[in-house]
């Protein structure tokens, strides 16, 4: 399989920014047009709530909820798109669908909304992919993600009643599974071999005289003085 180069950082940031803008457009449209989007939430065990598997990550309960997810979407999305140009599309699709299906089957009976499940999926994809691949790029990307959002490792457990830890948990499961399934789509970067520079040829004017011992050099100098 040919070597995969990282995608353009600018292009990765642009796609992540546009995705984030879309989430804000949905929330602003809900506010300014007084739209009732509650029917698009994910309700576990409900047939009508099945649509939420697709739509729930696009909805947020409040602006503070959306704001708390905005920077992780931008940062982790950029890291994923930049480091894994061939696998990010199927990885995100699997994370989106599988996390929603897990919530629909096993979560508490309450409407679940928010993109945090997808965000956790991206984080765990970067984490597990770096453990599997162990190349410089994947480890560097994960170090950035873990430095900023390492707390996601613990947020998959119950904390506050109003937070859908189930979405976090199944997003993490989906991200882990996606990294195992798709990590071969982005081969490890081939490290260029280190080229050793050969010793330069000695200067013909100097030759090997620089290798003479100090005593030999002194004797030569003394003999030259006697000759004169």
Protein backbone atom coordinates (compact mmCIF):
# COMPACT_ATOMS: atom_id res chain seq x y z
CA UNK A 1 0.00 0.00 0.00
CA UNK A 2 1.44 3.43 -0.90
CA UNK A 3 2.61 5.77 1.77
CA UNK A 4 -0.08 8.14 3.09
CA UNK A 5 0.94 11.72 3.67
CA UNK A 6 -0.90 13.78 6.28
CA UNK A 7 -3.66 15.96 4.91
CA UNK A 8 -3.20 19.69 4.69
CA UNK A 9 -3.53 21.21 8.15
CA UNK A 10 -5.43 24.17 6.72
CA UNK A 11 -7.91 21.90 4.94
CA UNK A 12 -8.42 19.83 8.12
CA UNK A 13 -9.10 22.98 10.13
CA UNK A 14 -11.49 24.28 7.48
CA UNK A 15 -13.60 21.10 7.51
CA UNK A 16 -13.67 21.06 11.32
CA UNK A 17 -14.69 24.75 11.38
CA UNK A 18 -17.49 24.21 8.86
CA UNK A 19 -18.78 21.26 10.89
CA UNK A 20 -18.78 23.39 14.03
CA UNK A 21 -20.53 26.23 12.20
CA UNK A 22 -23.27 23.83 11.13
CA UNK A 23 -23.91 22.87 14.76
CA UNK A 24 -24.22 26.53 15.66
CA UNK A 25 -26.53 27.20 12.71
CA UNK A 26 -28.85 24.46 13.95
CA UNK A 27 -28.96 25.95 17.45
CA UNK A 28 -29.42 29.51 16.19
CA UNK A 29 -32.21 28.42 13.82
CA UNK A 30 -33.92 26.65 16.71
CA UNK A 31 -33.79 29.88 18.72
CA UNK A 32 -34.63 32.54 16.15
CA UNK A 33 -37.34 30.57 14.35
CA UNK A 34 -38.79 29.07 17.54
CA UNK A 35 -38.36 25.55 16.23
CA UNK A 36 -39.28 22.59 18.37
CA UNK A 37 -36.64 19.96 17.59
CA UNK A 38 -37.38 17.71 20.56
CA UNK A 39 -38.75 15.06 18.21
CA UNK A 40 -35.22 14.65 16.82
CA UNK A 41 -33.71 13.71 20.17
CA UNK A 42 -32.56 10.16 20.83
CA UNK A 43 -34.99 8.43 23.17
CA UNK A 44 -33.82 4.94 24.22
CA UNK A 45 -36.18 2.07 23.40
CA UNK A 46 -38.58 4.30 21.49
CA UNK A 47 -39.34 3.60 17.85
CA UNK A 48 -39.85 7.31 17.25
CA UNK A 49 -36.53 7.93 18.97
CA UNK A 50 -34.63 5.89 16.40
CA UNK A 51 -34.29 8.99 14.25
CA UNK A 52 -32.19 10.43 17.04
CA UNK A 53 -29.36 8.06 16.12
CA UNK A 54 -28.84 10.34 13.11
CA UNK A 55 -30.03 13.70 14.42
CA UNK A 56 -29.26 13.80 18.16
CA UNK A 57 -25.57 14.81 17.77
CA UNK A 58 -26.74 17.91 15.88
CA UNK A 59 -28.89 19.14 18.78
CA UNK A 60 -27.90 20.73 22.08
CA UNK A 61 -29.96 21.49 25.13
CA UNK A 62 -28.49 24.96 25.66
CA UNK A 63 -25.88 27.35 24.37
CA UNK A 64 -23.58 26.45 27.25
CA UNK A 65 -23.90 22.80 26.23
CA UNK A 66 -22.95 23.65 22.65
CA UNK A 67 -20.17 25.96 23.76
CA UNK A 68 -18.59 23.25 25.92
CA UNK A 69 -18.48 20.94 22.88
CA UNK A 70 -17.29 23.54 20.38
CA UNK A 71 -13.56 23.61 21.07
CA UNK A 72 -13.25 19.79 21.32
CA UNK A 73 -15.02 19.47 17.96
CA UNK A 74 -12.60 21.94 16.42
CA UNK A 75 -9.40 20.58 17.97
CA UNK A 76 -10.04 16.83 17.90
CA UNK A 77 -11.69 17.07 14.49
CA UNK A 78 -8.65 18.85 13.09
CA UNK A 79 -6.27 16.27 14.59
CA UNK A 80 -8.30 13.38 13.21
CA UNK A 81 -8.64 14.82 9.71
CA UNK A 82 -5.00 15.87 9.57
CA UNK A 83 -3.45 12.63 10.81
CA UNK A 84 -5.81 10.08 9.26
CA UNK A 85 -6.85 11.36 5.81
CA UNK A 86 -8.03 7.97 4.54
CA UNK A 87 -9.83 6.63 7.58
CA UNK A 88 -11.53 9.64 9.16
CA UNK A 89 -14.70 9.35 7.06
CA UNK A 90 -15.55 5.69 7.85
CA UNK A 91 -14.34 6.22 11.41
CA UNK A 92 -16.69 9.15 12.01
CA UNK A 93 -19.58 7.31 10.37
CA UNK A 94 -19.08 4.29 12.61
CA UNK A 95 -18.67 6.47 15.72
CA UNK A 96 -21.81 8.46 14.89
CA UNK A 97 -24.03 5.42 14.28
CA UNK A 98 -22.64 2.97 16.83
CA UNK A 99 -22.65 5.44 19.72
CA UNK A 100 -26.29 6.30 18.95
CA UNK A 101 -27.28 2.66 18.71
CA UNK A 102 -25.62 1.92 22.04
CA UNK A 103 -27.51 4.76 23.70
CA UNK A 104 -30.81 3.68 22.13
CA UNK A 105 -30.37 0.13 23.41
CA UNK A 106 -28.91 0.64 26.89
CA UNK A 107 -29.21 4.25 28.09
CA UNK A 108 -31.59 5.75 30.61
CA UNK A 109 -35.13 6.64 29.56
CA UNK A 110 -34.59 10.30 28.78
CA UNK A 111 -33.95 12.38 25.66
CA UNK A 112 -30.26 12.35 24.75
CA UNK A 113 -28.77 15.11 22.60
CA UNK A 114 -25.33 16.54 21.88
CA UNK A 115 -22.20 15.83 19.90
CA UNK A 116 -20.18 14.82 22.95
CA UNK A 117 -20.51 11.14 22.08
CA UNK A 118 -18.86 11.77 18.70
CA UNK A 119 -16.21 13.91 20.40
CA UNK A 120 -15.36 11.08 22.79
CA UNK A 121 -15.22 8.73 19.83
CA UNK A 122 -12.65 10.93 18.09
CA UNK A 123 -10.58 11.18 21.26
CA UNK A 124 -10.49 7.43 21.80
CA UNK A 125 -9.77 6.85 18.12
CA UNK A 126 -6.67 9.04 18.42
CA UNK A 127 -5.69 7.36 21.70
CA UNK A 128 -6.00 3.74 20.56
CA UNK A 129 -4.57 4.44 17.10
CA UNK A 130 -1.43 5.89 18.67
CA UNK A 131 -1.04 2.77 20.85
CA UNK A 132 -1.47 0.48 17.84
CA UNK A 133 0.65 2.42 15.36
CA UNK A 134 3.31 3.95 17.64
CA UNK A 135 4.70 6.18 14.92
CA UNK A 136 5.82 9.75 15.53
CA UNK A 137 2.80 11.40 13.91
CA UNK A 138 0.09 9.43 15.72
CA UNK A 139 1.85 9.79 19.07
CA UNK A 140 2.32 13.55 18.58
CA UNK A 141 -1.35 14.01 17.69
CA UNK A 142 -2.45 12.02 20.70
CA UNK A 143 -0.15 13.98 23.01
CA UNK A 144 -1.85 17.19 21.91
CA UNK A 145 -5.33 15.67 22.32
CA UNK A 146 -4.55 14.09 25.67
CA UNK A 147 -2.95 17.26 27.04
CA UNK A 148 -6.13 19.21 26.27
CA UNK A 149 -8.85 16.62 26.83
CA UNK A 150 -7.36 13.77 28.84
CA UNK A 151 -10.29 14.11 31.25
CA UNK A 152 -12.47 12.33 28.69
CA UNK A 153 -10.99 9.07 29.93
CA UNK A 154 -12.96 9.56 33.16
CA UNK A 155 -16.08 11.23 31.74
CA UNK A 156 -17.31 7.91 30.32
CA UNK A 157 -18.45 7.11 33.87
CA UNK A 158 -21.52 8.56 35.63
CA UNK A 159 -20.94 12.02 37.06
CA UNK A 160 -23.95 14.34 36.95
CA UNK A 161 -27.54 13.17 36.31
CA UNK A 162 -28.11 15.66 33.48
CA UNK A 163 -25.00 14.54 31.56
CA UNK A 164 -25.38 11.61 29.17
CA UNK A 165 -22.40 9.54 30.22
CA UNK A 166 -23.90 6.76 28.11
CA UNK A 167 -23.23 8.77 24.96
CA UNK A 168 -19.66 9.31 26.18
CA UNK A 169 -19.19 5.63 26.94
CA UNK A 170 -20.54 4.28 23.68
CA UNK A 171 -18.69 6.98 21.75
CA UNK A 172 -15.48 5.73 23.37
CA UNK A 173 -16.36 2.13 22.49
CA UNK A 174 -17.10 3.12 18.89
CA UNK A 175 -13.88 5.13 18.59
CA UNK A 176 -11.84 2.23 19.92
CA UNK A 177 -13.48 -0.19 17.50
CA UNK A 178 -13.01 2.20 14.58
CA UNK A 179 -9.31 2.58 15.31
CA UNK A 180 -8.87 -1.22 15.25
CA UNK A 181 -10.88 -1.67 12.06
CA UNK A 182 -9.54 1.23 10.02
CA UNK A 183 -5.99 1.81 11.24
CA UNK A 184 -4.54 0.00 8.20
CA UNK A 185 -6.12 2.53 5.84
CA UNK A 186 -3.47 5.02 6.85
CA UNK A 187 -0.07 3.30 6.68
CA UNK A 188 2.67 4.46 8.96
CA UNK A 189 4.84 7.22 7.51
CA UNK A 190 8.07 5.83 6.12
CA UNK A 191 10.98 7.32 7.99
CA UNK A 192 13.77 8.48 5.71
CA UNK A 193 17.09 6.70 6.35
CA UNK A 194 19.89 8.70 7.89
CA UNK A 195 22.59 9.34 5.30
CA UNK A 196 26.12 9.25 6.70
CA UNK A 197 28.50 11.75 5.15
CA UNK A 198 31.73 10.09 4.05
CA UNK A 199 35.04 11.50 5.18
CA UNK A 200 36.42 14.04 2.79
CA UNK A 201 39.62 13.24 0.92
CA UNK A 202 42.73 14.84 2.43
CA UNK A 203 43.93 18.10 1.01
CA UNK A 204 46.71 17.27 -1.52
CA UNK A 205 48.77 20.24 -0.30
CA UNK A 206 48.73 18.99 3.27
CA UNK A 207 48.46 15.24 2.73
CA UNK A 208 49.11 13.18 5.82
CA UNK A 209 51.51 15.66 7.41
CA UNK A 210 48.89 16.67 9.98
CA UNK A 211 49.11 13.14 11.38
CA UNK A 212 52.80 13.51 12.30
CA UNK A 213 53.61 13.29 15.96
CA UNK A 214 54.73 16.49 17.65
CA UNK A 215 58.24 15.02 18.25
CA UNK A 216 58.60 14.18 14.58
CA UNK A 217 57.48 17.64 13.59
CA UNK A 218 59.97 19.21 16.04
CA UNK A 219 62.84 17.08 14.70
CA UNK A 220 61.97 18.06 11.15
CA UNK A 221 61.91 21.72 12.13
CA UNK A 222 65.25 21.40 13.96
CA UNK A 223 66.90 19.68 11.02
CA UNK A 224 65.67 22.42 8.73
CA UNK A 225 67.31 25.04 11.00
CA UNK A 226 70.63 23.15 10.96
CA UNK A 227 70.53 22.95 7.19
CA UNK A 228 70.19 26.68 7.00
